[in-house]
C-alpha atoms as a PDB file:
ATOM      1  CA  MET A   1     176.395 -46.702 -14.129  1.00  0.00           C
ATOM      2  CA  ALA A   2     179.933 -45.704 -15.230  1.00  0.00           C
ATOM      3  CA  THR A   3     180.880 -45.217 -11.582  1.00  0.00           C
ATOM      4  CA  VAL A   4     179.528 -48.663 -10.662  1.00  0.00           C
ATOM      5  CA  GLY A   5     181.397 -50.265 -13.596  1.00  0.00           C
ATOM      6  CA  ALA A   6     184.624 -48.566 -12.640  1.00  0.00           C
ATOM      7  CA  GLY A   7     184.107 -49.604  -9.033  1.00  0.00           C
ATOM      8  CA  ARG A   8     183.636 -53.234 -10.072  1.00  0.00           C
ATOM      9  CA  ILE A   9     186.852 -53.116 -12.109  1.00  0.00           C
ATOM     10  CA  ILE A  10     188.732 -51.722  -9.118  1.00  0.00           C
ATOM     11  CA  LEU A  11     187.139 -54.316  -6.845  1.00  0.00           C
ATOM     12  CA  GLY A  12     188.115 -57.066  -9.292  1.00  0.00           C
ATOM     13  CA  LEU A  13     191.706 -55.902  -9.288  1.00  0.00           C
ATOM     14  CA  GLU A  14     191.717 -56.059  -5.486  1.00  0.00           C
ATOM     15  CA  ILE A  15     189.898 -59.412  -5.247  1.00  0.00           C
ATOM     16  CA  ILE A  16     192.089 -61.302  -7.724  1.00  0.00           C
ATOM     17  CA  PRO A  17     195.285 -61.009  -5.625  1.00  0.00           C
ATOM     18  CA  LEU A  18     193.302 -61.980  -2.531  1.00  0.00           C
ATOM     19  CA  LEU A  19     191.888 -65.072  -4.267  1.00  0.00           C
ATOM     20  CA  PHE A  20     195.335 -66.079  -5.475  1.00  0.00           C
ATOM     21  CA  TYR A  21     196.673 -65.446  -1.991  1.00  0.00           C
ATOM     22  CA  VAL A  22     194.277 -67.918  -0.393  1.00  0.00           C
ATOM     23  CA  GLY A  23     195.209 -70.633  -2.923  1.00  0.00           C
ATOM     24  CA  ALA A  24     197.514 -71.327  -5.808  1.00  0.00           C
ATOM     25  CA  ALA A  25     196.420 -71.646  -9.463  1.00  0.00           C
ATOM     26  CA  GLY A  26     195.164 -76.017 -10.888  1.00  0.00           C
ATOM     27  CA  ASP A  27     192.439 -77.733 -12.997  1.00  0.00           C
ATOM     28  CA  CYS A  28     189.026 -76.881 -11.601  1.00  0.00           C
ATOM     29  CA  VAL A  29     186.038 -74.681 -12.534  1.00  0.00           C
ATOM     30  CA  VAL A  30     183.899 -72.849  -9.964  1.00  0.00           C
ATOM     31  CA  SER A  31     180.648 -71.062 -10.813  1.00  0.00           C
ATOM     32  CA  VAL A  32     179.057 -68.507  -8.483  1.00  0.00           C
ATOM     33  CA  SER A  33     175.527 -67.064  -8.756  1.00  0.00           C
ATOM     34  CA  GLN A  34     173.628 -64.513  -6.678  1.00  0.00           C
ATOM     35  CA  PRO A  35     170.542 -62.323  -7.197  1.00  0.00           C
ATOM     36  CA  ALA A  36     171.065 -59.123  -9.143  1.00  0.00           C
ATOM     37  CA  VAL A  37     168.953 -56.819  -6.942  1.00  0.00           C
ATOM     38  CA  LEU A  38     167.521 -56.904  -3.423  1.00  0.00           C
ATOM     39  CA  GLU A  39     165.323 -54.260  -1.796  1.00  0.00           C
ATOM     40  CA  ALA A  40     164.802 -53.817   1.927  1.00  0.00           C
ATOM     41  CA  ASP A  41     163.074 -51.394   4.310  1.00  0.00           C
ATOM     42  CA  PHE A  42     164.533 -49.848   7.412  1.00  0.00           C
ATOM     43  CA  ALA A  43     161.666 -51.355   9.407  1.00  0.00           C
ATOM     44  CA  GLU A  44     162.694 -54.901   8.501  1.00  0.00           C
ATOM     45  CA  GLY A  45     165.890 -54.502  10.505  1.00  0.00           C
ATOM     46  CA  ALA A  46     167.932 -57.036   8.518  1.00  0.00           C
ATOM     47  CA  VAL A  47     168.309 -58.505   5.039  1.00  0.00           C
ATOM     48  CA  THR A  48     170.022 -61.678   3.794  1.00  0.00           C
ATOM     49  CA  VAL A  49     172.012 -61.807   0.553  1.00  0.00           C
ATOM     50  CA  PRO A  50     172.110 -65.406  -0.784  1.00  0.00           C
ATOM     51  CA  CYS A  51     174.913 -66.965  -2.804  1.00  0.00           C
ATOM     52  CA  SER A  52     175.111 -70.396  -4.434  1.00  0.00           C
ATOM     53  CA  PHE A  53     178.054 -72.049  -6.161  1.00  0.00           C
ATOM     54  CA  SER A  54     178.972 -75.195  -8.060  1.00  0.00           C
ATOM     55  CA  THR A  55     182.215 -76.969  -8.920  1.00  0.00           C
ATOM     56  CA  ALA A  56     183.329 -79.065 -11.883  1.00  0.00           C
ATOM     57  CA  GLY A  57     186.478 -81.211 -12.086  1.00  0.00           C
ATOM     58  CA  CYS A  58     187.535 -80.192  -8.588  1.00  0.00           C
ATOM     59  CA  ARG A  59     188.793 -82.261  -5.710  1.00  0.00           C
ATOM     60  CA  PRO A  60     186.331 -82.613  -2.816  1.00  0.00           C
ATOM     61  CA  GLU A  61     187.261 -80.005  -0.268  1.00  0.00           C
ATOM     62  CA  SER A  62     185.707 -77.216   1.762  1.00  0.00           C
ATOM     63  CA  PRO A  63     185.921 -73.982  -0.244  1.00  0.00           C
ATOM     64  CA  THR A  64     187.028 -70.649   1.078  1.00  0.00           C
ATOM     65  CA  LYS A  65     184.095 -68.197   1.179  1.00  0.00           C
ATOM     66  CA  LEU A  66     184.592 -64.460   0.916  1.00  0.00           C
ATOM     67  CA  TRP A  67     182.189 -61.517   0.992  1.00  0.00           C
ATOM     68  CA  PHE A  68     183.014 -58.061  -0.351  1.00  0.00           C
ATOM     69  CA  ARG A  69     181.103 -54.804  -0.509  1.00  0.00           C
ATOM     70  CA  LEU A  70     181.430 -52.087  -3.111  1.00  0.00           C
ATOM     71  CA  GLY A  71     180.030 -48.913  -1.630  1.00  0.00           C
ATOM     72  CA  ALA A  72     180.135 -45.256  -2.568  1.00  0.00           C
ATOM     73  CA  GLN A  73     183.698 -44.827  -1.329  1.00  0.00           C
ATOM     74  CA  LYS A  74     185.902 -47.916  -1.745  1.00  0.00           C
ATOM     75  CA  PRO A  75     185.724 -51.732  -1.855  1.00  0.00           C
ATOM     76  CA  GLU A  76     185.539 -53.384   1.540  1.00  0.00           C
ATOM     77  CA  THR A  77     186.251 -56.960   2.621  1.00  0.00           C
ATOM     78  CA  LEU A  78     183.480 -57.997   4.983  1.00  0.00           C
ATOM     79  CA  CYS A  79     183.898 -61.706   5.845  1.00  0.00           C
ATOM     80  CA  VAL A  80     186.318 -64.559   5.149  1.00  0.00           C
ATOM     81  CA  ASN A  81     185.220 -68.125   5.975  1.00  0.00           C
ATOM     82  CA  GLY A  82     182.511 -66.876   8.269  1.00  0.00           C
ATOM     83  CA  GLN A  83     184.809 -64.521  10.174  1.00  0.00           C
ATOM     84  CA  CYS A  84     183.536 -60.965   9.776  1.00  0.00           C
ATOM     85  CA  SER A  85     185.423 -57.783  10.555  1.00  0.00           C
ATOM     86  CA  SER A  86     182.361 -55.833  11.689  1.00  0.00           C
ATOM     87  CA  LYS A  87     181.559 -55.064  15.297  1.00  0.00           C
ATOM     88  CA  ALA A  88     178.399 -56.060  17.195  1.00  0.00           C
ATOM     89  CA  ASP A  89     177.490 -58.675  14.556  1.00  0.00           C
ATOM     90  CA  LYS A  90     176.644 -56.181  11.846  1.00  0.00           C
ATOM     91  CA  PHE A  91     177.417 -58.912   9.301  1.00  0.00           C
ATOM     92  CA  THR A  92     176.916 -62.648   9.819  1.00  0.00           C
ATOM     93  CA  VAL A  93     177.543 -65.538   7.431  1.00  0.00           C
ATOM     94  CA  THR A  94     175.416 -68.705   7.183  1.00  0.00           C
ATOM     95  CA  GLU A  95     176.683 -71.760   5.289  1.00  0.00           C
ATOM     96  CA  ASP A  96     175.030 -74.884   3.871  1.00  0.00           C
ATOM     97  CA  LEU A  97     177.863 -76.790   2.201  1.00  0.00           C
ATOM     98  CA  ALA A  98     175.626 -79.790   1.465  1.00  0.00           C
ATOM     99  CA  ARG A  99     173.694 -77.555  -0.944  1.00  0.00           C
ATOM    100  CA  ASN A 100     176.695 -75.415  -1.940  1.00  0.00           C
ATOM    101  CA  GLN A 101     175.099 -72.295  -0.495  1.00  0.00           C
ATOM    102  CA  THR A 102     176.247 -69.431   1.676  1.00  0.00           C
ATOM    103  CA  SER A 103     174.560 -66.183   2.670  1.00  0.00           C
ATOM    104  CA  LEU A 104     175.430 -62.841   4.213  1.00  0.00           C
ATOM    105  CA  THR A 105     173.004 -61.197   6.658  1.00  0.00           C
ATOM    106  CA  VAL A 106     173.204 -57.432   7.109  1.00  0.00           C
ATOM    107  CA  SER A 107     171.679 -56.292  10.401  1.00  0.00           C
ATOM    108  CA  ARG A 108     170.555 -52.888  11.735  1.00  0.00           C
ATOM    109  CA  LEU A 109     169.943 -51.514   8.253  1.00  0.00           C
ATOM    110  CA  THR A 110     170.825 -47.930   7.442  1.00  0.00           C
ATOM    111  CA  ALA A 111     171.017 -45.912   4.234  1.00  0.00           C
ATOM    112  CA  ASN A 112     174.788 -46.561   4.152  1.00  0.00           C
ATOM    113  CA  ASP A 113     174.120 -50.283   3.684  1.00  0.00           C
ATOM    114  CA  SER A 114     172.932 -49.644   0.126  1.00  0.00           C
ATOM    115  CA  ALA A 115     175.815 -51.077  -1.918  1.00  0.00           C
ATOM    116  CA  ILE A 116     176.915 -53.955  -4.159  1.00  0.00           C
ATOM    117  CA  TYR A 117     177.591 -57.174  -2.215  1.00  0.00           C
ATOM    118  CA  ILE A 118     179.829 -59.721  -3.932  1.00  0.00           C
ATOM    119  CA  CYS A 119     180.322 -63.380  -3.024  1.00  0.00           C
ATOM    120  CA  GLY A 120     183.667 -65.073  -3.739  1.00  0.00           C
ATOM    121  CA  ILE A 121     184.479 -68.806  -3.714  1.00  0.00           C
ATOM    122  CA  ALA A 122     187.991 -70.255  -3.865  1.00  0.00           C
ATOM    123  CA  LEU A 123     189.291 -73.858  -3.843  1.00  0.00           C
ATOM    124  CA  LEU A 124     192.777 -73.789  -2.398  1.00  0.00           C
ATOM    125  CA  SER A 125     194.021 -77.137  -3.742  1.00  0.00           C
ATOM    126  CA  SER A 126     193.436 -76.261  -7.404  1.00  0.00           C
ATOM    127  CA  ARG A 127     195.993 -74.437  -9.564  1.00  0.00           C
ATOM    128  CA  ASP A 128     193.378 -73.449 -12.165  1.00  0.00           C
ATOM    129  CA  PRO A 129     192.496 -69.732 -12.037  1.00  0.00           C
ATOM    130  CA  ARG A 130     188.859 -70.648 -12.694  1.00  0.00           C
ATOM    131  CA  ALA A 131     188.791 -72.308  -9.277  1.00  0.00           C
ATOM    132  CA  LYS A 132     188.633 -68.809  -7.752  1.00  0.00           C
ATOM    133  CA  GLN A 133     185.490 -67.006  -8.845  1.00  0.00           C
ATOM    134  CA  THR A 134     183.186 -64.229  -7.699  1.00  0.00           C
ATOM    135  CA  GLY A 135     179.525 -63.615  -8.391  1.00  0.00           C
ATOM    136  CA  ALA A 136     178.243 -60.734 -10.493  1.00  0.00           C
ATOM    137  CA  GLY A 137     177.209 -58.946  -7.293  1.00  0.00           C
ATOM    138  CA  THR A 138     173.902 -58.128  -5.646  1.00  0.00           C
ATOM    139  CA  VAL A 139     172.742 -54.513  -5.597  1.00  0.00           C
ATOM    140  CA  LEU A 140     171.156 -53.928  -2.193  1.00  0.00           C
ATOM    141  CA  VAL A 141     168.802 -50.959  -1.998  1.00  0.00           C
ATOM    142  CA  VAL A 142     167.736 -49.924   1.502  1.00  0.00           C
ATOM    143  CA  ARG A 143     164.691 -47.675   1.508  1.00  0.00           C
ATOM    144  CA  GLU A 144     162.660 -45.926   4.110  1.00  0.00           C
ATOM    145  CA  SER A 145     159.441 -47.771   4.816  1.00  0.00           C
ATOM    146  CA  LYS A 146     156.439 -46.071   3.174  1.00  0.00           C
ATOM    147  CA  GLY A 147     153.866 -48.358   4.709  1.00  0.00           C
ATOM    148  CA  LEU A 148     153.585 -51.091   7.255  1.00  0.00           C
ATOM    149  CA  SER A 149     156.549 -53.415   7.627  1.00  0.00           C
ATOM    150  CA  THR A 150     156.263 -57.079   6.747  1.00  0.00           C
ATOM    151  CA  LYS A 151     156.358 -58.151  10.400  1.00  0.00           C
ATOM    152  CA  LEU A 152     153.715 -55.598  11.334  1.00  0.00           C
ATOM    153  CA  GLN A 153     151.530 -56.730   8.441  1.00  0.00           C
ATOM    154  CA  ARG A 154     151.819 -60.355   9.560  1.00  0.00           C
ATOM    155  CA  LEU A 155     150.982 -59.361  13.134  1.00  0.00           C
ATOM    156  CA  LEU A 156     147.975 -57.379  11.934  1.00  0.00           C
ATOM    157  CA  VAL A 157     146.767 -60.328   9.849  1.00  0.00           C
ATOM    158  CA  ALA A 158     147.134 -62.658  12.859  1.00  0.00           C
ATOM    159  CA  VAL A 159     145.188 -60.249  15.107  1.00  0.00           C
ATOM    160  CA  LEU A 160     142.411 -59.884  12.522  1.00  0.00           C
ATOM    161  CA  SER A 161     142.223 -63.671  12.149  1.00  0.00           C
ATOM    162  CA  LEU A 162     141.873 -64.141  15.919  1.00  0.00           C
ATOM    163  CA  LEU A 163     139.273 -61.372  16.046  1.00  0.00           C
ATOM    164  CA  SER A 164     137.231 -62.989  13.261  1.00  0.00           C
ATOM    165  CA  ILE A 165     137.358 -66.338  15.074  1.00  0.00           C
ATOM    166  CA  TYR A 166     136.191 -64.644  18.300  1.00  0.00           C
ATOM    167  CA  ILE A 167     133.321 -62.892  16.501  1.00  0.00           C
ATOM    168  CA  ALA A 168     132.276 -66.161  14.848  1.00  0.00           C
ATOM    169  CA  GLY A 169     132.256 -67.891  18.259  1.00  0.00           C
ATOM    170  CA  VAL A 170     130.142 -65.126  19.792  1.00  0.00           C
ATOM    171  CA  LEU A 171     127.660 -65.355  16.912  1.00  0.00           C
ATOM    172  CA  VAL A 172     127.376 -69.132  17.343  1.00  0.00           C
ATOM    173  CA  VAL A 173     126.713 -68.747  21.081  1.00  0.00           C
ATOM    174  CA  PHE A 174     124.141 -66.016  20.391  1.00  0.00           C
ATOM    175  CA  VAL A 175     122.315 -68.197  17.841  1.00  0.00           C
ATOM    176  CA  VAL A 176     122.253 -71.179  20.211  1.00  0.00           C
ATOM    177  CA  LEU A 177     120.941 -69.060  23.092  1.00  0.00           C
ATOM    178  CA  SER A 178     118.295 -67.416  20.907  1.00  0.00           C
ATOM    179  CA  LYS A 179     117.092 -70.816  19.720  1.00  0.00           C
ATOM    180  CA  SER A 180     116.890 -72.145  23.282  1.00  0.00           C
ATOM    181  CA  LYS A 181     114.952 -69.045  24.404  1.00  0.00           C
ATOM    182  CA  SER A 182     112.550 -69.352  21.479  1.00  0.00           C
ATOM    183  CA  LYS A 183     111.904 -72.987  22.365  1.00  0.00           C
ATOM    184  CA  THR A 184     111.054 -72.121  26.009  1.00  0.00           C
ATOM    185  CA  PRO A 185     108.039 -69.797  25.237  1.00  0.00           C
ATOM    186  CA  ARG A 186     106.745 -72.302  22.708  1.00  0.00           C
ATOM    187  CA  LYS A 187     106.916 -75.019  25.335  1.00  0.00           C
ATOM    188  CA  LYS A 188     105.095 -72.786  27.828  1.00  0.00           C
ATOM    189  CA  GLU A 189     102.420 -71.938  25.278  1.00  0.00           C
ATOM    190  CA  ARG A 190     102.006 -75.621  24.477  1.00  0.00           C
ATOM    191  CA  ASP A 191     101.658 -76.502  28.167  1.00  0.00           C
ATOM    192  CA  GLU A 192      99.143 -73.695  28.730  1.00  0.00           C
ATOM    193  CA  SER A 193      97.106 -74.767  25.703  1.00  0.00           C
ATOM    194  CA  GLN A 194      97.080 -78.337  26.965  1.00  0.00           C
ATOM    195  CA  LYS A 195      95.922 -77.141  30.403  1.00  0.00           C
ATOM    196  CA  LYS A 196      93.153 -75.067  28.829  1.00  0.00           C
ATOM    197  CA  LYS A 197      92.046 -78.023  26.738  1.00  0.00           C
ATOM    198  CA  SER A 198      92.000 -80.328  29.755  1.00  0.00           C
ATOM    199  CA  ALA A 199      90.030 -77.752  31.820  1.00  0.00           C
ATOM    200  CA  ARG A 200      87.547 -77.249  28.984  1.00  0.00           C
ATOM    201  CA  ARG A 201      87.159 -80.990  28.606  1.00  0.00           C
ATOM    202  CA  LEU A 202      86.579 -81.374  32.344  1.00  0.00           C
ATOM    203  CA  PHE A 203      83.986 -78.594  32.300  1.00  0.00           C
ATOM    204  CA  GLN A 204      82.220 -80.220  29.375  1.00  0.00           C
ATOM    205  CA  GLU A 205      82.156 -83.563  31.165  1.00  0.00           C
ATOM    206  CA  ILE A 206      80.694 -81.950  34.337  1.00  0.00           C
ATOM    207  CA  ALA A 207      78.058 -80.068  32.337  1.00  0.00           C
ATOM    208  CA  GLN A 208      77.162 -83.209  30.441  1.00  0.00           C
ATOM    209  CA  GLU A 209      76.824 -85.145  33.684  1.00  0.00           C
ATOM    210  CA  LEU A 210      74.590 -82.466  35.216  1.00  0.00           C
ATOM    211  CA  TYR A 211      72.480 -82.371  32.092  1.00  0.00           C
ATOM    212  CA  SER A 212      72.131 -86.133  32.170  1.00  0.00           C
ATOM    213  CA  LYS A 213      71.037 -86.131  35.811  1.00  0.00           C
ATOM    214  CA  ARG A 214      68.479 -83.386  35.218  1.00  0.00           C
ATOM    215  CA  HIS A 215      67.066 -85.158  32.200  1.00  0.00           C
ATOM    216  CA  VAL A 216      66.740 -88.407  34.138  1.00  0.00           C
ATOM    217  CA  GLY A 217      64.929 -86.628  37.022  1.00  0.00           C
ATOM    218  CA  THR A 218      62.385 -84.894  34.803  1.00  0.00           C
ATOM    219  CA  SER A 219      61.617 -88.074  32.902  1.00  0.00           C
ATOM    220  CA  GLN A 220      60.765 -89.973  36.130  1.00  0.00           C
ATOM    221  CA  LEU A 221      58.231 -87.361  37.468  1.00  0.00           C
ATOM    222  CA  PRO A 222      55.264 -88.254  35.158  1.00  0.00           C
ATOM    223  CA  GLU A 223      55.664 -91.923  35.982  1.00  0.00           C
ATOM    224  CA  LYS A 224      55.344 -91.145  39.706  1.00  0.00           C
ATOM    225  CA  ASP A 225      52.197 -88.970  39.108  1.00  0.00           C
ATOM    226  CA  ASN A 226      50.463 -91.683  37.044  1.00  0.00           C
ATOM    227  CA  THR A 227      51.180 -94.283  39.693  1.00  0.00           C
ATOM    228  CA  TYR A 228      49.655 -92.036  42.368  1.00  0.00           C
ATOM    229  CA  LYS A 229      46.498 -91.425  40.289  1.00  0.00           C
ATOM    230  CA  ASN A 230      46.009 -95.121  39.593  1.00  0.00           C
ATOM    231  CA  ARG A 231      46.315 -95.992  43.247  1.00  0.00           C
ATOM    232  CA  ARG A 232      43.793 -93.289  44.194  1.00  0.00           C
ATOM    233  CA  ALA A 233      41.256 -94.423  41.609  1.00  0.00           C
ATOM    234  CA  ARG A 234      41.541 -98.009  42.826  1.00  0.00           C
ATOM    235  CA  TYR A 235      40.966 -96.892  46.392  1.00  0.00           C
ATOM    236  CA  ASN A 236      37.850 -94.948  45.421  1.00  0.00           C
ATOM    237  CA  CYS A 237      36.398 -97.967  43.666  1.00  0.00           C
ATOM    238  CA  GLU A 238      36.912-100.290  46.568  1.00  0.00           C
ATOM    239  CA  THR A 239      35.217 -98.085  49.131  1.00  0.00           C
ATOM    240  CA  PRO A 240      31.287 -98.330  49.259  1.00  0.00           C
END
């Protein structure tokens, strides 16, 4: 902690002349705030350090934005007004002046990127020393990933969601098909039972008709025999 405090003092001594160089001292107050600590994994690839500021009693103008880094060796000026000294876009600056915000993005993270990142804001038209301020600094800690990265976790969640939707669709199709198949045998059984009933009914009607005919035939035979006997008796009486 003593080393970090001493480094901040040294960085402050180097920043103050730079802030006075970009503008002379007037009547204006600038406040700068940034998060105290940020943690990042190697697997994430990049991390963004935010910085917000406010002004009071200042003339409307576009401020000068500066980013510094206090590492293990010496303070380092990274970017001034969006122009960064790094190669291959190691550092990039994003600005939103409507919201009084600026941010520094550190790409291709390595262990050497663990440092204190400080945001500085200066209004050039003001002669007040308070118009040139820096934030308290953000301690960036870059660690080796112990588990899945955030992007990989999101991808895994998306894949699992799609897989669950696919399984749900397959289950719905299976249920619909099983219901349709269960309805088909029932319909066949119903048709077969109706056919059996109709055949049984037809057989009963035929048997009843045969029984009726036989009953009618047997009931007419005695009448015919009595008629024959009466005729024969009459014939015997008439003959001498």
